[in-house]
Amino acid sequence: MDYKIKLADGKAHLVSITSAYFKSWQVWQVKFKDGKVAMLYKMGSEWMQRNEDFLEAEVLEIIGYTIDRIIYKRTISF
């Protein structure tokens, strides 16, 4: 699904966020409009990205917070 995220630079960006499983891990694929893709996963309360991904710490936190809200909305709807 597409989400509008306001990043640290103050600009709103449209990103596509989808979830999948890699082995036993739930991962989240984030696609930006410029074609860049990042894979995120959560360890405890900390959001992480693959070594080859490009996100800065602030951007990772903002996207992780958005994913947490998506998960929360999914769980309360059931």
N, C-alpha and C. Protein backbone atom coordinates (compact mmCIF):
# COMPACT_ATOMS: atom_id res chain seq x y z
N MET A 1 0.82 -1.17 0.00
CA MET A 1 0.00 0.00 0.00
C MET A 1 0.86 1.24 0.00
N ASP A 2 0.34 2.31 -0.53
CA ASP A 2 1.07 3.56 -0.57
C ASP A 2 0.75 4.40 0.66
N TYR A 3 1.79 5.02 1.21
CA TYR A 3 1.65 5.85 2.40
C TYR A 3 2.41 7.14 2.18
N LYS A 4 1.88 8.23 2.73
CA LYS A 4 2.57 9.51 2.69
C LYS A 4 3.29 9.67 4.01
N ILE A 5 4.61 9.86 3.93
CA ILE A 5 5.44 9.96 5.13
C ILE A 5 6.16 11.30 5.10
N LYS A 6 6.09 12.02 6.22
CA LYS A 6 6.81 13.28 6.34
C LYS A 6 8.17 12.98 6.96
N LEU A 7 9.22 13.20 6.18
CA LEU A 7 10.57 12.87 6.62
C LEU A 7 11.20 14.04 7.38
N ALA A 8 12.40 13.83 7.86
CA ALA A 8 13.09 14.80 8.69
C ALA A 8 13.35 16.12 7.96
N ASP A 9 13.43 16.08 6.63
CA ASP A 9 13.66 17.31 5.87
C ASP A 9 12.41 18.17 5.75
N GLY A 10 11.28 17.69 6.29
CA GLY A 10 10.04 18.44 6.27
C GLY A 10 9.17 18.18 5.05
N LYS A 11 9.68 17.41 4.10
CA LYS A 11 8.93 17.12 2.89
C LYS A 11 8.16 15.81 3.06
N ALA A 12 6.99 15.76 2.46
CA ALA A 12 6.20 14.53 2.46
C ALA A 12 6.57 13.71 1.24
N HIS A 13 6.78 12.42 1.45
CA HIS A 13 7.15 11.51 0.37
C HIS A 13 6.13 10.38 0.32
N LEU A 14 5.81 9.95 -0.90
CA LEU A 14 4.91 8.82 -1.07
C LEU A 14 5.76 7.56 -1.20
N VAL A 15 5.52 6.59 -0.33
CA VAL A 15 6.26 5.33 -0.36
C VAL A 15 5.27 4.18 -0.37
N SER A 16 5.70 3.08 -0.93
CA SER A 16 4.91 1.86 -0.94
C SER A 16 5.51 0.91 0.09
N ILE A 17 4.68 0.42 1.02
CA ILE A 17 5.15 -0.47 2.08
C ILE A 17 4.39 -1.78 1.98
N THR A 18 5.13 -2.88 1.84
CA THR A 18 4.53 -4.20 1.81
C THR A 18 5.25 -5.10 2.79
N SER A 19 4.56 -6.12 3.27
CA SER A 19 5.19 -7.05 4.21
C SER A 19 5.33 -8.42 3.56
N ALA A 20 6.32 -9.16 4.03
CA ALA A 20 6.58 -10.51 3.53
C ALA A 20 7.34 -11.26 4.61
N TYR A 21 7.62 -12.51 4.34
CA TYR A 21 8.42 -13.32 5.26
C TYR A 21 9.69 -13.77 4.57
N PHE A 22 10.81 -13.66 5.26
CA PHE A 22 12.08 -14.18 4.80
C PHE A 22 12.54 -15.16 5.85
N LYS A 23 12.56 -16.44 5.49
CA LYS A 23 12.79 -17.52 6.45
C LYS A 23 11.73 -17.39 7.53
N SER A 24 12.09 -17.15 8.79
CA SER A 24 11.08 -17.00 9.83
C SER A 24 10.89 -15.54 10.25
N TRP A 25 11.52 -14.60 9.55
CA TRP A 25 11.45 -13.18 9.89
C TRP A 25 10.37 -12.49 9.07
N GLN A 26 9.61 -11.61 9.72
CA GLN A 26 8.71 -10.75 8.96
C GLN A 26 9.52 -9.52 8.56
N VAL A 27 9.52 -9.24 7.27
CA VAL A 27 10.27 -8.10 6.74
C VAL A 27 9.29 -7.16 6.05
N TRP A 28 9.70 -5.92 5.91
CA TRP A 28 8.89 -4.90 5.28
C TRP A 28 9.69 -4.29 4.14
N GLN A 29 9.11 -4.29 2.97
CA GLN A 29 9.77 -3.71 1.80
C GLN A 29 9.22 -2.31 1.59
N VAL A 30 10.12 -1.34 1.54
CA VAL A 30 9.74 0.06 1.36
C VAL A 30 10.28 0.50 0.00
N LYS A 31 9.36 0.90 -0.89
CA LYS A 31 9.74 1.39 -2.22
C LYS A 31 9.48 2.88 -2.30
N PHE A 32 10.51 3.62 -2.71
CA PHE A 32 10.38 5.05 -2.89
C PHE A 32 10.05 5.36 -4.34
N LYS A 33 9.53 6.57 -4.60
CA LYS A 33 9.14 6.97 -5.95
C LYS A 33 10.32 6.98 -6.92
N ASP A 34 11.53 7.22 -6.42
CA ASP A 34 12.70 7.26 -7.31
C ASP A 34 13.23 5.87 -7.65
N GLY A 35 12.54 4.82 -7.19
CA GLY A 35 12.92 3.45 -7.53
C GLY A 35 13.76 2.74 -6.49
N LYS A 36 14.22 3.44 -5.47
CA LYS A 36 15.03 2.80 -4.43
C LYS A 36 14.15 1.93 -3.55
N VAL A 37 14.73 0.82 -3.09
CA VAL A 37 14.01 -0.13 -2.25
C VAL A 37 14.84 -0.43 -1.02
N ALA A 38 14.18 -0.50 0.13
CA ALA A 38 14.85 -0.87 1.38
C ALA A 38 14.05 -1.98 2.04
N MET A 39 14.74 -2.92 2.68
CA MET A 39 14.10 -3.99 3.44
C MET A 39 14.34 -3.72 4.92
N LEU A 40 13.25 -3.65 5.68
CA LEU A 40 13.35 -3.38 7.11
C LEU A 40 12.83 -4.56 7.90
N TYR A 41 13.34 -4.72 9.10
CA TYR A 41 12.86 -5.73 10.03
C TYR A 41 13.02 -5.19 11.44
N LYS A 42 12.33 -5.80 12.37
CA LYS A 42 12.35 -5.30 13.74
C LYS A 42 12.97 -6.34 14.66
N MET A 43 13.92 -5.89 15.46
CA MET A 43 14.53 -6.73 16.49
C MET A 43 14.22 -6.09 17.83
N GLY A 44 13.33 -6.73 18.58
CA GLY A 44 12.90 -6.14 19.83
C GLY A 44 12.07 -4.90 19.54
N SER A 45 12.53 -3.75 20.00
CA SER A 45 11.84 -2.50 19.72
C SER A 45 12.59 -1.65 18.70
N GLU A 46 13.67 -2.17 18.15
CA GLU A 46 14.54 -1.42 17.24
C GLU A 46 14.31 -1.84 15.79
N TRP A 47 14.10 -0.85 14.92
CA TRP A 47 13.98 -1.13 13.48
C TRP A 47 15.36 -1.17 12.86
N MET A 48 15.58 -2.16 12.02
CA MET A 48 16.87 -2.38 11.37
C MET A 48 16.66 -2.45 9.86
N GLN A 49 17.75 -2.31 9.11
CA GLN A 49 17.71 -2.45 7.67
C GLN A 49 18.85 -3.36 7.23
N ARG A 50 18.75 -3.85 6.01
CA ARG A 50 19.83 -4.67 5.48
C ARG A 50 21.11 -3.84 5.39
N ASN A 51 22.25 -4.51 5.39
CA ASN A 51 23.53 -3.81 5.30
C ASN A 51 23.66 -2.99 4.03
N GLU A 52 23.11 -3.47 2.94
CA GLU A 52 23.27 -2.77 1.66
C GLU A 52 22.26 -1.65 1.45
N ASP A 53 21.36 -1.43 2.39
CA ASP A 53 20.36 -0.38 2.23
C ASP A 53 20.93 0.98 2.63
N PHE A 54 20.22 2.02 2.32
CA PHE A 54 20.74 3.38 2.28
C PHE A 54 20.10 4.36 3.26
N LEU A 55 19.17 3.93 4.09
CA LEU A 55 18.40 4.85 4.92
C LEU A 55 19.23 5.41 6.08
N GLU A 56 19.04 6.71 6.33
CA GLU A 56 19.67 7.33 7.49
C GLU A 56 18.85 6.97 8.73
N ALA A 57 19.43 7.15 9.89
CA ALA A 57 18.80 6.74 11.15
C ALA A 57 17.45 7.43 11.38
N GLU A 58 17.37 8.74 11.07
CA GLU A 58 16.11 9.46 11.27
C GLU A 58 15.01 8.94 10.37
N VAL A 59 15.36 8.66 9.12
CA VAL A 59 14.40 8.14 8.15
C VAL A 59 13.95 6.75 8.57
N LEU A 60 14.87 5.94 9.02
CA LEU A 60 14.55 4.60 9.48
C LEU A 60 13.57 4.65 10.65
N GLU A 61 13.77 5.58 11.58
CA GLU A 61 12.86 5.72 12.72
C GLU A 61 11.47 6.15 12.28
N ILE A 62 11.38 7.09 11.35
CA ILE A 62 10.09 7.59 10.89
C ILE A 62 9.33 6.49 10.17
N ILE A 63 9.99 5.75 9.29
CA ILE A 63 9.33 4.67 8.58
C ILE A 63 8.97 3.54 9.54
N GLY A 64 9.84 3.24 10.49
CA GLY A 64 9.53 2.23 11.50
C GLY A 64 8.32 2.60 12.32
N TYR A 65 8.20 3.88 12.68
CA TYR A 65 7.03 4.35 13.43
C TYR A 65 5.76 4.17 12.59
N THR A 66 5.84 4.46 11.30
CA THR A 66 4.70 4.28 10.41
C THR A 66 4.31 2.81 10.31
N ILE A 67 5.28 1.93 10.21
CA ILE A 67 4.99 0.50 10.16
C ILE A 67 4.37 0.03 11.47
N ASP A 68 4.86 0.53 12.59
CA ASP A 68 4.26 0.19 13.89
C ASP A 68 2.79 0.58 13.93
N ARG A 69 2.45 1.74 13.38
CA ARG A 69 1.05 2.17 13.33
C ARG A 69 0.23 1.25 12.43
N ILE A 70 0.81 0.81 11.31
CA ILE A 70 0.12 -0.12 10.41
C ILE A 70 -0.18 -1.42 11.15
N ILE A 71 0.82 -1.95 11.87
CA ILE A 71 0.64 -3.20 12.62
C ILE A 71 -0.42 -3.01 13.70
N TYR A 72 -0.39 -1.90 14.39
CA TYR A 72 -1.36 -1.63 15.44
C TYR A 72 -2.78 -1.59 14.87
N LYS A 73 -2.96 -0.91 13.75
CA LYS A 73 -4.29 -0.82 13.13
C LYS A 73 -4.79 -2.19 12.69
N ARG A 74 -3.86 -3.04 12.22
CA ARG A 74 -4.25 -4.39 11.82
C ARG A 74 -4.71 -5.23 13.02
N THR A 75 -4.04 -5.08 14.14
CA THR A 75 -4.36 -5.91 15.30
C THR A 75 -5.65 -5.47 15.99
N ILE A 76 -5.95 -4.17 16.00
CA ILE A 76 -7.18 -3.75 16.65
C ILE A 76 -8.41 -3.97 15.77
N SER A 77 -8.21 -4.18 14.49
CA SER A 77 -9.35 -4.40 13.60
C SER A 77 -9.89 -5.83 13.70
N PHE A 78 -9.13 -6.73 14.30
CA PHE A 78 -9.59 -8.13 14.41
C PHE A 78 -10.30 -8.37 15.69
